[in-house]
Protein backbone atom coordinates (compact mmCIF):
# COMPACT_ATOMS: atom_id res chain seq x y z
CA MET A 1 90.30 104.03 116.01
CA SER A 2 87.26 103.67 113.72
CA LEU A 3 87.36 104.20 110.36
CA LEU A 4 83.90 105.91 110.37
CA GLN A 5 85.56 108.74 112.58
CA TRP A 6 87.59 110.41 109.85
CA CYS A 7 84.59 110.26 107.14
CA ASP A 8 82.76 113.51 106.53
CA GLU A 9 79.40 114.00 108.65
CA GLY A 10 76.60 112.90 106.91
CA PRO A 11 77.15 110.98 103.69
CA ALA A 12 76.59 112.50 100.03
CA THR A 13 74.26 109.77 98.28
CA VAL A 14 71.36 110.22 95.65
CA SER A 15 68.79 107.65 94.88
CA VAL A 16 68.95 105.39 92.27
CA GLU A 17 66.22 106.96 90.18
CA ALA A 18 68.01 110.20 90.59
CA THR A 19 69.44 112.25 87.67
CA VAL A 20 72.85 113.00 86.87
CA ASP A 21 71.74 116.43 87.12
CA GLU A 22 70.97 115.59 90.95
CA ALA A 23 74.07 113.49 91.63
CA ILE A 24 75.97 116.74 90.24
CA ARG A 25 74.03 119.02 92.19
CA THR A 26 74.35 117.15 95.87
CA MET A 27 78.25 116.97 95.11
CA ILE A 28 78.38 121.16 95.28
CA ASP A 29 75.69 121.04 97.22
CA LYS A 30 77.76 118.89 99.69
CA ALA A 31 81.58 119.95 98.28
CA VAL A 32 81.98 116.08 97.49
CA GLY A 33 83.87 114.38 94.58
CA ALA A 34 81.77 111.39 95.18
CA VAL A 35 77.60 110.12 96.05
CA ALA A 36 76.47 107.28 96.62
CA VAL A 37 73.76 105.64 95.10
CA ILE A 38 71.00 104.06 96.80
CA ASP A 39 68.25 101.80 96.73
CA LYS A 40 64.70 102.41 98.64
CA GLN A 41 66.66 100.85 101.30
CA GLY A 42 69.49 102.64 101.59
CA ILE A 43 72.00 100.04 100.21
CA VAL A 44 74.58 100.74 98.15
CA ALA A 45 73.95 100.48 94.81
CA GLY A 46 76.69 102.37 93.02
CA MET A 47 78.88 105.25 92.98
CA PHE A 48 79.09 108.23 91.06
CA THR A 49 82.23 110.15 91.18
CA GLU A 50 83.87 113.43 89.72
CA ARG A 51 85.73 110.50 87.29
CA ASP A 52 82.50 109.19 85.59
CA VAL A 53 80.57 112.56 85.01
CA LEU A 54 84.16 112.70 83.01
CA ALA A 55 84.48 110.02 81.15
CA LYS A 56 81.45 108.54 81.00
CA PHE A 57 79.09 111.67 80.85
CA ALA A 58 80.64 114.78 79.87
CA LEU A 59 81.20 114.02 76.00
CA SER A 60 78.30 111.94 75.68
CA GLY A 61 76.11 114.40 74.42
CA ARG A 62 72.98 112.99 76.89
CA ASP A 63 71.13 115.95 79.17
CA PRO A 64 71.75 115.83 82.31
CA LYS A 65 68.23 116.59 83.67
CA SER A 66 67.15 113.05 81.60
CA THR A 67 69.85 110.86 82.24
CA PRO A 68 69.49 107.92 84.99
CA VAL A 69 72.35 108.00 87.48
CA ARG A 70 72.34 104.23 87.06
CA GLU A 71 73.44 104.39 83.57
CA MET A 72 76.53 106.13 84.23
CA MET A 73 77.24 104.85 88.24
CA SER A 74 79.92 102.71 88.84
CA SER A 75 77.91 100.07 90.09
CA ILE A 76 81.23 97.67 91.50
CA VAL A 77 82.13 99.28 94.46
CA GLU A 78 84.47 98.40 97.38
CA MET A 79 83.13 98.41 100.39
CA ALA A 80 84.26 99.19 103.99
CA THR A 81 82.72 98.32 107.31
CA GLU A 82 82.49 99.56 110.57
CA VAL A 83 85.19 96.75 111.68
CA THR A 84 87.36 98.07 108.52
CA THR A 85 90.44 100.17 109.63
CA PRO A 86 91.77 103.06 108.16
CA SER A 87 95.21 101.51 107.28
CA GLU A 88 92.82 98.90 105.80
CA ALA A 89 90.54 101.32 103.54
CA LEU A 90 93.68 103.27 102.31
CA GLU A 91 95.53 100.11 101.37
CA VAL A 92 92.50 99.55 99.45
CA MET A 93 92.05 102.50 97.62
CA ILE A 94 96.01 103.00 96.45
CA GLU A 95 95.26 99.67 95.26
CA ARG A 96 92.60 99.89 93.43
CA HIS A 97 92.77 103.43 92.17
CA TYR A 98 89.81 105.02 94.40
CA ARG A 99 89.16 108.32 96.17
CA HIS A 100 85.97 107.49 97.89
CA MET A 101 84.76 104.22 99.57
CA PRO A 102 81.57 104.05 101.50
CA VAL A 103 81.09 102.31 104.73
CA VAL A 104 78.16 100.11 105.41
CA ASP A 105 76.48 98.46 108.03
CA GLU A 106 75.94 94.80 107.89
CA HIS A 107 72.90 95.49 105.58
CA GLY A 108 74.75 97.01 103.05
CA LYS A 109 73.35 101.09 104.02
CA VAL A 110 75.46 103.17 104.12
CA LEU A 111 76.70 104.95 107.01
CA ALA A 112 79.65 107.73 105.49
CA ILE A 113 81.53 108.03 102.28
CA CYS A 114 85.09 107.81 103.16
CA SER A 115 87.67 110.10 100.99
CA ILE A 116 91.63 109.37 100.77
CA ARG A 117 91.82 112.99 101.23
CA ASN A 118 89.59 111.93 105.28
CA ILE A 119 92.46 109.29 105.78
CA LEU A 120 95.70 111.35 104.46
CA GLU A 121 94.76 114.49 106.70
CA ALA A 122 93.88 112.38 109.76
CA LYS A 123 96.94 110.54 109.35
CA ILE A 124 98.84 113.75 108.73
CA ASP A 125 97.20 115.42 112.46
CA ASP A 126 99.00 112.23 114.09
CA LEU A 127 102.25 112.90 112.50
CA LEU A 128 102.18 116.17 113.56
CA ALA A 129 100.93 115.45 117.30
CA GLN A 130 103.86 113.18 117.80
CA ARG A 131 106.42 115.84 116.25
CA GLU A 132 104.45 118.28 118.86
CA ALA A 133 104.57 115.00 121.62
CA THR A 134 108.71 114.61 121.29
CA ARG A 135 109.58 118.43 121.30
């Protein structure tokens, strides 16, 4: 099964030129805990997460409407591809303490963002289906 099938539709993204305010509003509007920060070609430049809001921005004293998200994002991003299995993605996410992982095409363009919740919910659904099949 493709990892893309387990991700929410329509990845939450903001431009590398966006502000922290825009990134947070996107996360609120899409009810997600992270956005992929993308360049003009749609290639992932970084991730901005709830953890970044708390650890890097909240007590900085900076104005969210004028602070570039690129200054607060995590620029080192582990990415999945269309051939990454859900188990491989989960292993990386647990090992590296990530809760979100962008899924990209062969050019690095974001296709989706997979959350650890997406994977765990799908695994639980599989287990429940197996349980029902044995009854």
